[in-house]
Each structure stands twice: as structure tokens, then as C-alpha cells.
Amino acid sequence: MKIQNFKTNESGLNRFFGPLEAKIMEILWNGPEMTIKDVQSKLAKEKSANFNTVMTVMNRLVDKDVLQKRTEGRVSLYRPTLTMEEFLETQSKELTQDLMEEFGPLVVSHMLDALEEADPALIKRLEQKIKELKKER
């Protein structure tokens, strides 16, 4: 699953989703399977969210393959297809691959420049990954 519209001017989940989509995903990532009514009531604590709007957005997230929907009797239950960690891992990998295909060496150069502010543990992991890649070749 690849999110088509990555927004560089946003932060967090809003980079991948619209504001209501992001709130719905946060709710579902922090709980068990839920009905539309469950999600709507959690959203209502912040501000009122129309049931039909929530239903439409959740079904669009199903169409985007971000949520799974299953029916139990007359009730539809929704849950994320991936954990938040898996989703972010997948999206960051897709984004990195897209950047590499389009900009190649420039991306690598900018990533290396960004390491000046990186956590030493991250640099150590990067060094280990480079060693592994060299051994494979």
C-alpha cells in the first residue's frame, strides 16, 4: 500500500492523511476493532463529528487498503491493516525509494549531511548496515 499524496508541509500522520483520516487512524491504532459509532463517539470528545462523514472517511480508508472491514451480524468492525510502526516503516521505505529513483546521489548526499545532527546510535546502525551491504556484494 502506497499513500499517493505525501505532504511535505505537514507533520506526523497528516503527511499521509487528511486531518480527519489521521485522527481516525490514531483512534484505531490505539484500540481494538471498532465500529463507526465507536470511532465517532471518540471523535466527539474533541469536536462533533457527523456519523455519515466518519462512515464515508472510514470506508475510503478501506478502499485505500489502510483499514480492514469485517461484518459480524449487522455490525461492521474496522481495524488497521498494519500497525502504526509497520505503516510508517512501509511509507518511509516507499518514499526513500521514490527519492532515490528520482534524485539518486543528491538524496544520499543530503541524508549524509543530516547525519551531523543524528543520534550516535543511528550512525552506528547505519555503519553496520553499510558493512552488511558491502559483504553481500
Protein backbone atom coordinates (compact mmCIF):
# COMPACT_ATOMS: atom_id res chain seq x y z
CA MET A 1 0.00 0.00 0.00
CA LYS A 2 1.45 3.28 -1.09
CA ILE A 3 -0.01 6.58 0.02
CA GLN A 4 -0.16 8.71 -3.11
CA ASN A 5 -0.08 12.21 -1.65
CA PHE A 6 2.81 12.73 0.76
CA LYS A 7 2.58 16.29 2.12
CA THR A 8 5.97 17.81 2.93
CA ASN A 9 4.40 20.87 4.54
CA GLU A 10 2.58 18.82 7.20
CA SER A 11 3.82 16.79 10.15
CA GLY A 12 3.13 13.39 11.65
CA LEU A 13 0.27 11.37 10.21
CA ASN A 14 -1.05 14.47 8.43
CA ARG A 15 1.77 13.94 5.92
CA PHE A 16 -0.07 10.82 4.73
CA PHE A 17 -3.70 11.52 5.56
CA GLY A 18 -6.22 14.30 5.73
CA PRO A 19 -6.88 15.68 9.26
CA LEU A 20 -9.96 13.52 9.93
CA GLU A 21 -8.33 10.44 8.40
CA ALA A 22 -5.30 10.93 10.68
CA LYS A 23 -7.49 11.22 13.79
CA ILE A 24 -9.44 8.10 12.83
CA MET A 25 -6.24 6.15 12.25
CA GLU A 26 -4.82 7.27 15.62
CA ILE A 27 -8.00 6.11 17.35
CA LEU A 28 -7.93 2.73 15.62
CA TRP A 29 -4.20 2.23 16.20
CA ASN A 30 -4.74 2.83 19.92
CA GLY A 31 -7.61 0.43 20.42
CA PRO A 32 -9.26 -2.78 19.39
CA GLU A 33 -11.52 -3.23 16.37
CA MET A 34 -14.22 -0.58 16.43
CA THR A 35 -17.49 0.27 14.80
CA ILE A 36 -18.11 3.58 13.06
CA LYS A 37 -20.20 4.61 16.09
CA ASP A 38 -17.28 3.80 18.44
CA VAL A 39 -14.91 5.96 16.39
CA GLN A 40 -17.47 8.74 16.06
CA SER A 41 -18.02 8.86 19.83
CA LYS A 42 -14.26 9.12 20.44
CA LEU A 43 -14.04 11.93 17.88
CA ALA A 44 -16.99 13.67 19.50
CA LYS A 45 -14.91 14.21 22.64
CA GLU A 46 -12.75 16.67 20.68
CA LYS A 47 -15.44 18.11 18.45
CA SER A 48 -18.65 16.87 16.95
CA ALA A 49 -18.15 14.52 14.03
CA ASN A 50 -21.10 13.62 11.86
CA PHE A 51 -21.72 9.85 11.70
CA ASN A 52 -22.10 9.88 7.91
CA THR A 53 -18.83 11.80 7.48
CA VAL A 54 -16.97 9.35 9.72
CA MET A 55 -18.52 6.40 7.83
CA THR A 56 -17.50 7.87 4.47
CA VAL A 57 -13.93 8.54 5.60
CA MET A 58 -13.54 5.09 7.17
CA ASN A 59 -14.83 3.37 4.05
CA ARG A 60 -12.41 5.41 1.93
CA LEU A 61 -9.61 4.21 4.21
CA VAL A 62 -10.80 0.66 3.48
CA ASP A 63 -10.64 1.45 -0.25
CA LYS A 64 -7.07 2.73 0.27
CA ASP A 65 -6.25 -0.60 1.97
CA VAL A 66 -5.34 1.14 5.23
CA LEU A 67 -8.30 -0.31 7.14
CA GLN A 68 -9.91 -3.72 7.07
CA LYS A 69 -13.66 -4.08 7.47
CA ARG A 70 -15.44 -7.20 8.60
CA THR A 71 -19.07 -7.79 9.32
CA GLU A 72 -20.32 -9.50 12.44
CA GLY A 73 -24.08 -9.86 12.23
CA ARG A 74 -25.36 -6.40 11.34
CA VAL A 75 -22.30 -4.59 12.67
CA SER A 76 -19.21 -3.64 10.68
CA LEU A 77 -15.93 -3.67 12.58
CA TYR A 78 -12.82 -1.82 11.41
CA ARG A 79 -9.16 -2.24 12.19
CA PRO A 80 -5.90 -1.08 10.60
CA THR A 81 -4.28 -3.41 8.09
CA LEU A 82 -0.86 -2.63 9.63
CA THR A 83 0.35 -1.43 12.99
CA MET A 84 1.36 2.23 13.07
CA GLU A 85 5.02 1.17 13.19
CA GLU A 86 4.58 -1.11 10.15
CA PHE A 87 2.71 1.62 8.28
CA LEU A 88 5.42 4.23 8.95
CA GLU A 89 8.15 1.72 8.03
CA THR A 90 6.42 0.91 4.73
CA GLN A 91 5.74 4.53 3.84
CA SER A 92 9.24 5.75 4.71
CA LYS A 93 10.74 2.94 2.63
CA GLU A 94 8.50 3.80 -0.35
CA LEU A 95 9.34 7.49 -0.02
CA THR A 96 13.07 6.80 0.19
CA GLN A 97 12.94 4.53 -2.88
CA ASP A 98 11.00 7.17 -4.83
CA LEU A 99 13.52 9.86 -3.86
CA MET A 100 16.44 7.61 -4.81
CA GLU A 101 14.91 6.83 -8.21
CA GLU A 102 14.25 10.48 -8.94
CA PHE A 103 17.23 12.24 -7.38
CA GLY A 104 19.84 9.50 -6.79
CA PRO A 105 23.15 10.84 -5.44
CA LEU A 106 21.59 14.12 -4.24
CA VAL A 107 19.39 12.23 -1.77
CA VAL A 108 22.34 10.27 -0.40
CA SER A 109 24.35 13.49 -0.04
CA HIS A 110 21.52 15.24 1.84
CA MET A 111 20.98 12.23 4.09
CA LEU A 112 24.68 12.23 4.97
CA ASP A 113 24.51 15.96 5.70
CA ALA A 114 21.59 15.29 8.04
CA LEU A 115 23.74 12.82 10.00
CA GLU A 116 25.59 15.75 11.56
CA GLU A 117 22.56 16.15 13.85
CA ALA A 118 21.77 12.43 14.16
CA ASP A 119 21.84 10.33 17.28
CA PRO A 120 25.14 8.41 17.57
CA ALA A 121 23.20 5.14 17.85
CA LEU A 122 21.61 5.83 14.46
CA ILE A 123 25.03 6.46 12.93
CA LYS A 124 26.28 3.17 14.38
CA ARG A 125 23.28 1.30 12.87
CA LEU A 126 23.99 2.96 9.52
CA GLU A 127 27.65 1.89 9.66
CA GLN A 128 26.57 -1.71 10.41
CA LYS A 129 24.11 -1.65 7.51
CA ILE A 130 26.81 -0.38 5.12
CA LYS A 131 29.15 -3.19 6.25
CA GLU A 132 26.41 -5.77 5.63
CA LEU A 133 25.72 -4.35 2.16
CA LYS A 134 29.43 -4.49 1.30
CA LYS A 135 29.65 -8.15 2.39
CA GLU A 136 26.64 -9.06 0.20
CA ARG A 137 28.32 -7.61 -2.91
